[in-house]
């Protein structure tokens, strides 16, 4: 089954099981485990393992995913206006590498549709809102898109993540440069401070930044007083893959996630942790494909972790295994 169809089919099966008599009790007992809560940027997380953005862009499965034991769910990336994303096929499995390549292109139903689903949500779980810009919004006007998403989602999510690091929206990664990124983050913080109670805003960065760019990120985070960093997004690198080069070339462009990203992501996390002396909280994501790789994120300097590709390859019990290992 094509990966994108398999994604929705699996979640439809989960919905079916949960709505059978005793289904919620069964799934919860199979896949959740008690853990010491983790305090992070003023929020109390029931456990340190979350679901990364991209898995449930539109909040369609927010009534299902908490039963699989996640400590928090990040929705999005969402944009002001609905957009179809890139043409299919746009999601590819690299089974030999336990990896995925995607060029989804911020396909989503728009921020208003997400807000309506969040209004109906009755499941108590920490929710993050991952926000981006529409494909055809020029970079010099991107700040408006981020502000629209921020203001509309503000009353319905617990924290925000600013996504300027996806490789699948043309020109988006240029917003990681110092000047445009500072402009976006300052505008968001101004809007944040006008609210009765500000909410944490984090920045999601790419694993492909060099040390000079990472140092700029550190400076920007401190100057704009952001709550933390999500490190890292997918990579455009294709190094050290077991999948043959012909297959890789046929797939074409897109962001690589999964096992091959482990070391690059850890290096970024460790550099950020060292550069900030641990003062800037980090959510570690990228290449968590087994329990040791999840623990390696914590050792590198992350406080919380998020999974996506590893969850697909390892199955729903992966969350429980990670929570137990990190808590011990």
Foldseek 3Di string as FASTA:
>chain_A
DQPVVVLVVVLVVQVVQCPDVCSLVVLLVLAADFFPWFAALRDTFRFQEEADEPSAAQLPRVVRVVSLHHREYEHHQAWAAADQFDDPPFWDDPPQQLKIFGLRGRHDHHLVSSLVSLVVDDDDHAYEYEYFYHLPDDLVRGLVGRVSNCVSCVVRHQEYEYEQAFPNRPPSVVCLDQVNVLVSLLSSLVVQVVDPHGHAYEYEHALPDDPVSLVSVLVSCVVSVGQAYEFYDFDQDDPPGPPDPVVVVVSPTGGMFAQVFLVSRLVSLLSSCVVVVLPHAYEGEGHCQAQVSLVSNVVSRHSHYHYDSNCVVVDSNRSVVNRVSVRD
